[in-house]
Amino acid sequence: MLTDRLTSPQNPRIKALLRLQQKPAERRAQGLTLVEGLRELAVAAQAGVAIAALYTCPELAGPGVYPALQALLAGQPRPPEWLELAPPVFERLAYRDGSDGVLAVLHTPALALADLRLPARPLLLVLEAVEKPGNLGAILRTADAAPVDAVLVGDPRTDLYNPNVIRASIGCVFSVPVVAAPMADILAFLRERGIRSYAAALTPQARPYTEMDFRPATALVLGTEADGLTPATQAACDATVIVPMRGRIDSLNVSVAGAVLAFEAVRQRG
């Protein structure tokens, strides 16, 4: 139930929310993140993520927003605190145009490699040192859509629960198992479990991705937007693949390359 209405942007609670939104260290220390938008919140809630607090602005919310929120909260084990924000207060926290008047603080999942429960023939996306929240978010949307069993992020340069990752993924950062770990640990994890790894890289020995058999346990390994995979990671993978290019450029955006490879693997698996 609604418990209060905040009208001052200088309210200490609002300042705390701004710190949570803007500071990765704050998010990591508290195990919380700020989510804007009913759609993103619905994806997270339906994936079983706990809502710590809910903030709404009735002046911005459409007629269906409040009934939808009530339905989402009915599935929570403990009802979160729910406060209304006056428009000037909400606008200070909102980080996108055309907001639907919904903000929530969520408990962020904290998965480790050992926590993953994978099928006998998993399909994984592995990202080395990804740094752009938009690309990570787009890859997570692909992982949800394909679907992929998990996304492993090695040596990340961006916070998994950066609000921009959440926005770009439309909440799929919560619907797909995601683990951040040292790249060396991820490669060891793949070897120990007999998961064949395919490096996406422009090298002389690379073969077109359509010539590979992705039906067994498979990890598709992609590198940074600017530099690709490190030599050490390329050498550790079992094979190297390319997406053949017939235009003037020689590479795709990492999120596009990930989507091409993931959907080919799903196609092969029927």
Protein backbone atom coordinates (compact mmCIF):
# COMPACT_ATOMS: atom_id res chain seq x y z
CA MET A 1 0.00 0.00 0.00
CA LEU A 2 1.05 3.59 -0.57
CA THR A 3 2.63 4.91 2.60
CA ASP A 4 3.74 8.50 1.87
CA ARG A 5 4.37 11.20 -0.76
CA LEU A 6 7.76 12.87 -1.13
CA THR A 7 7.69 16.44 -2.42
CA SER A 8 11.23 17.75 -1.89
CA PRO A 9 14.19 16.86 -4.15
CA GLN A 10 16.40 17.51 -1.11
CA ASN A 11 14.84 14.69 0.88
CA PRO A 12 17.61 12.42 2.25
CA ARG A 13 15.90 9.39 0.74
CA ILE A 14 16.05 10.98 -2.72
CA LYS A 15 19.75 11.75 -2.26
CA ALA A 16 20.33 8.11 -1.32
CA LEU A 17 18.51 6.97 -4.47
CA LEU A 18 20.68 9.26 -6.60
CA ARG A 19 23.81 7.73 -5.10
CA LEU A 20 22.44 4.28 -5.89
CA GLN A 21 21.73 5.33 -9.46
CA GLN A 22 25.07 7.00 -10.11
CA LYS A 23 27.67 5.07 -8.11
CA PRO A 24 28.59 1.45 -8.95
CA ALA A 25 30.34 1.09 -5.58
CA GLU A 26 27.10 2.01 -3.82
CA ARG A 27 25.17 -0.59 -5.79
CA ARG A 28 27.74 -3.28 -5.03
CA ALA A 29 27.93 -2.42 -1.34
CA GLN A 30 24.16 -2.51 -0.87
CA GLY A 31 23.31 -5.28 -3.34
CA LEU A 32 20.65 -2.97 -4.78
CA THR A 33 19.96 -1.13 -8.01
CA LEU A 34 17.45 1.40 -9.34
CA VAL A 35 15.09 0.39 -12.14
CA GLU A 36 12.91 2.74 -14.13
CA GLY A 37 9.88 1.57 -16.10
CA LEU A 38 6.99 -0.83 -15.60
CA ARG A 39 8.15 -3.15 -18.39
CA GLU A 40 11.62 -3.61 -16.92
CA LEU A 41 10.19 -4.03 -13.43
CA ALA A 42 7.73 -6.65 -14.67
CA VAL A 43 10.51 -8.72 -16.28
CA ALA A 44 12.50 -8.61 -13.04
CA ALA A 45 9.55 -9.43 -10.79
CA GLN A 46 8.43 -12.32 -12.99
CA ALA A 47 11.99 -13.68 -12.80
CA GLY A 48 11.67 -13.76 -9.02
CA VAL A 49 13.74 -10.68 -8.17
CA ALA A 50 12.70 -9.09 -4.88
CA ILE A 51 11.50 -5.47 -4.89
CA ALA A 52 12.96 -3.50 -1.98
CA ALA A 53 10.99 -0.28 -2.55
CA LEU A 54 8.62 1.18 -5.12
CA TYR A 55 8.24 4.83 -6.14
CA THR A 56 5.56 6.16 -8.46
CA CYS A 57 4.52 9.52 -9.87
CA PRO A 58 0.74 9.49 -10.51
CA GLU A 59 0.99 12.56 -12.73
CA LEU A 60 3.13 10.54 -15.19
CA ALA A 61 1.57 7.10 -14.80
CA GLY A 62 -1.00 5.95 -17.36
CA PRO A 63 -4.36 4.43 -16.38
CA GLY A 64 -3.10 0.84 -16.45
CA VAL A 65 0.06 1.36 -14.44
CA TYR A 66 -1.30 1.10 -10.91
CA PRO A 67 -3.37 -2.09 -11.51
CA ALA A 68 -0.31 -3.66 -13.16
CA LEU A 69 1.84 -2.75 -10.17
CA GLN A 70 -0.70 -4.23 -7.77
CA ALA A 71 -0.56 -7.49 -9.72
CA LEU A 72 3.25 -7.54 -9.62
CA LEU A 73 3.34 -6.85 -5.90
CA ALA A 74 0.89 -9.67 -5.23
CA GLY A 75 3.62 -12.08 -6.31
CA GLN A 76 6.23 -10.69 -3.94
CA PRO A 77 6.93 -12.70 -0.77
CA ARG A 78 7.07 -9.46 1.23
CA PRO A 79 5.25 -6.30 0.10
CA PRO A 80 7.77 -3.50 -0.40
CA GLU A 81 7.41 0.03 0.83
CA TRP A 82 5.53 2.11 -1.79
CA LEU A 83 5.84 5.88 -1.92
CA GLU A 84 4.59 8.51 -4.36
CA LEU A 85 6.90 11.20 -5.72
CA ALA A 86 5.91 14.68 -6.80
CA PRO A 87 6.87 15.40 -10.45
CA PRO A 88 9.95 17.54 -9.64
CA VAL A 89 11.25 14.79 -7.37
CA PHE A 90 10.61 12.04 -9.90
CA GLU A 91 12.26 14.04 -12.69
CA ARG A 92 15.44 14.31 -10.65
CA LEU A 93 15.65 10.53 -10.49
CA ALA A 94 14.37 9.62 -13.96
CA TYR A 95 17.09 8.83 -16.50
CA ARG A 96 15.07 8.60 -19.71
CA ASP A 97 12.49 10.59 -21.64
CA GLY A 98 8.84 9.60 -21.72
CA SER A 99 8.86 7.90 -18.34
CA ASP A 100 5.78 6.00 -17.20
CA GLY A 101 6.19 7.20 -13.61
CA VAL A 102 7.59 3.97 -12.16
CA LEU A 103 10.85 3.56 -10.24
CA ALA A 104 11.86 0.65 -8.06
CA VAL A 105 14.80 -0.43 -5.96
CA LEU A 106 15.60 -4.10 -6.55
CA HIS A 107 17.77 -6.62 -4.78
CA THR A 108 20.38 -7.57 -7.37
CA PRO A 109 21.14 -11.26 -7.94
CA ALA A 110 24.65 -12.29 -6.93
CA LEU A 111 25.40 -15.41 -8.96
CA ALA A 112 28.81 -17.08 -9.01
CA LEU A 113 30.02 -19.70 -11.48
CA ALA A 114 29.44 -22.41 -8.88
CA ASP A 115 25.79 -21.35 -8.58
CA LEU A 116 24.94 -22.04 -12.21
CA ARG A 117 22.58 -24.96 -12.86
CA LEU A 118 23.11 -25.82 -16.49
CA PRO A 119 21.50 -28.47 -18.73
CA ALA A 120 23.50 -31.33 -20.23
CA ARG A 121 24.22 -29.39 -23.44
CA PRO A 122 24.32 -25.74 -22.36
CA LEU A 123 24.56 -22.82 -24.74
CA LEU A 124 26.51 -19.93 -23.20
CA LEU A 125 27.53 -16.47 -24.29
CA VAL A 126 30.88 -15.35 -22.88
CA LEU A 127 31.93 -11.70 -23.05
CA GLU A 128 35.46 -10.55 -22.33
CA ALA A 129 35.91 -7.04 -20.87
CA VAL A 130 32.69 -5.64 -22.30
CA GLU A 131 32.57 -1.92 -21.51
CA LYS A 132 29.51 -0.34 -23.14
CA PRO A 133 26.26 -0.73 -21.17
CA GLY A 134 24.20 -0.54 -24.37
CA ASN A 135 26.03 -3.46 -25.94
CA LEU A 136 25.81 -5.57 -22.79
CA GLY A 137 22.10 -4.81 -22.56
CA ALA A 138 21.53 -5.76 -26.21
CA ILE A 139 23.40 -9.06 -25.73
CA LEU A 140 21.24 -9.84 -22.70
CA ARG A 141 18.10 -9.26 -24.80
CA THR A 142 19.48 -11.75 -27.33
CA ALA A 143 20.25 -14.21 -24.54
CA ASP A 144 16.66 -14.04 -23.32
CA ALA A 145 15.18 -14.27 -26.81
CA ALA A 146 17.26 -17.12 -28.25
CA PRO A 147 17.36 -18.38 -25.42
CA VAL A 148 20.86 -18.84 -24.01
CA ASP A 149 21.36 -20.71 -20.74
CA ALA A 150 23.67 -18.10 -19.17
CA VAL A 151 25.84 -15.09 -19.95
CA LEU A 152 29.34 -15.07 -18.44
CA VAL A 153 31.11 -11.71 -18.31
CA GLY A 154 34.86 -11.92 -17.88
CA ASP A 155 36.80 -8.99 -16.46
CA PRO A 156 33.84 -6.61 -16.94
CA ARG A 157 34.45 -2.92 -17.43
CA THR A 158 30.85 -1.98 -16.70
CA ASP A 159 28.60 -2.75 -13.75
CA LEU A 160 26.11 -5.51 -14.62
CA TYR A 161 23.34 -3.59 -12.86
CA ASN A 162 24.12 -0.17 -14.25
CA PRO A 163 20.70 1.45 -14.90
CA ASN A 164 21.69 1.83 -18.56
CA VAL A 165 22.31 -1.93 -18.83
CA ILE A 166 18.89 -2.55 -17.31
CA ARG A 167 17.27 -0.12 -19.74
CA ALA A 168 19.09 -1.49 -22.81
CA SER A 169 18.23 -5.07 -21.85
CA ILE A 170 14.59 -4.16 -21.06
CA GLY A 171 15.11 -5.97 -17.77
CA CYS A 172 16.60 -9.15 -19.29
CA VAL A 173 19.62 -8.77 -17.02
CA PHE A 174 17.25 -10.25 -14.43
CA SER A 175 15.66 -12.96 -16.60
CA VAL A 176 18.94 -14.54 -17.78
CA PRO A 177 21.52 -16.04 -15.39
CA VAL A 178 24.47 -13.60 -15.53
CA VAL A 179 27.83 -14.11 -13.81
CA ALA A 180 30.77 -11.71 -13.67
CA ALA A 181 34.13 -13.35 -12.94
CA PRO A 182 37.80 -13.19 -13.93
CA MET A 183 38.20 -14.38 -17.51
CA ALA A 184 40.70 -17.02 -16.43
CA ASP A 185 38.12 -18.50 -14.04
CA ILE A 186 35.49 -18.60 -16.79
CA LEU A 187 37.81 -20.41 -19.20
CA ALA A 188 38.70 -22.91 -16.48
CA PHE A 189 34.99 -23.41 -15.77
CA LEU A 190 34.36 -24.23 -19.45
CA ARG A 191 37.24 -26.70 -19.59
CA GLU A 192 36.23 -28.48 -16.39
CA ARG A 193 32.72 -29.03 -17.68
CA GLY A 194 33.68 -30.07 -21.18
CA ILE A 195 32.02 -27.05 -22.80
CA ARG A 196 33.57 -26.39 -26.21
CA SER A 197 34.52 -22.73 -26.66
CA TYR A 198 34.37 -20.79 -29.93
CA ALA A 199 36.25 -17.49 -30.13
CA ALA A 200 34.79 -14.90 -32.48
CA ALA A 201 37.94 -13.31 -33.93
CA LEU A 202 39.49 -12.17 -37.20
CA THR A 203 42.40 -14.59 -37.49
CA PRO A 204 43.81 -16.59 -40.41
CA GLN A 205 42.66 -19.88 -38.92
CA ALA A 206 39.07 -18.73 -38.27
CA ARG A 207 36.34 -20.64 -40.08
CA PRO A 208 32.84 -19.44 -41.01
CA TYR A 209 30.44 -19.95 -38.11
CA THR A 210 28.04 -21.94 -40.31
CA GLU A 211 30.66 -24.71 -40.62
CA MET A 212 30.67 -25.35 -36.87
CA ASP A 213 28.60 -27.81 -34.89
CA PHE A 214 27.05 -25.92 -31.99
CA ARG A 215 24.78 -28.80 -30.91
CA PRO A 216 27.02 -30.12 -28.10
CA ALA A 217 27.77 -28.02 -25.01
CA THR A 218 28.88 -24.69 -26.48
CA ALA A 219 30.27 -21.35 -25.34
CA LEU A 220 30.36 -18.47 -27.83
CA VAL A 221 33.17 -16.13 -26.79
CA LEU A 222 33.22 -12.47 -27.84
CA GLY A 223 35.62 -9.65 -27.06
CA THR A 224 35.65 -5.92 -26.51
CA GLU A 225 34.10 -3.48 -28.91
CA ALA A 226 37.43 -1.87 -29.81
CA ASP A 227 40.05 -4.61 -29.51
CA GLY A 228 38.26 -7.96 -29.69
CA LEU A 229 39.48 -10.89 -27.63
CA THR A 230 42.84 -10.87 -25.94
CA PRO A 231 45.47 -13.23 -27.43
CA ALA A 232 45.40 -15.32 -24.25
CA THR A 233 41.66 -15.90 -24.50
CA GLN A 234 41.84 -16.69 -28.21
CA ALA A 235 44.56 -19.26 -27.54
CA ALA A 236 42.52 -20.86 -24.75
CA CYS A 237 39.44 -21.42 -26.92
CA ASP A 238 38.88 -24.65 -28.85
CA ALA A 239 38.14 -23.04 -32.23
CA THR A 240 37.90 -19.63 -33.87
CA VAL A 241 34.95 -18.50 -35.97
CA ILE A 242 34.05 -15.54 -38.14
CA VAL A 243 30.88 -14.13 -39.59
CA PRO A 244 31.85 -13.72 -43.27
CA MET A 245 31.74 -10.07 -44.33
CA ARG A 246 31.15 -9.06 -47.94
CA GLY A 247 31.05 -5.29 -47.54
CA ARG A 248 33.78 -2.75 -46.95
CA ILE A 249 33.99 -3.17 -43.18
CA ASP A 250 35.48 -6.21 -41.50
CA SER A 251 33.55 -6.44 -38.24
CA LEU A 252 30.12 -6.22 -36.62
CA ASN A 253 29.02 -4.62 -33.40
CA VAL A 254 29.62 -7.16 -30.63
CA SER A 255 25.91 -7.40 -29.80
CA VAL A 256 25.06 -8.10 -33.45
CA ALA A 257 27.79 -10.73 -33.76
CA GLY A 258 26.56 -12.37 -30.56
CA ALA A 259 23.02 -12.50 -31.92
CA VAL A 260 24.11 -14.05 -35.23
CA LEU A 261 26.08 -16.78 -33.48
CA ALA A 262 23.48 -17.48 -30.78
CA PHE A 263 20.59 -17.86 -33.19
CA GLU A 264 22.66 -20.12 -35.46
CA ALA A 265 23.34 -22.36 -32.47
CA VAL A 266 19.64 -22.41 -31.60
CA ARG A 267 18.75 -23.18 -35.24
CA GLN A 268 21.14 -26.13 -35.27
CA ARG A 269 19.60 -27.45 -32.06
CA GLY A 270 16.15 -27.43 -33.62
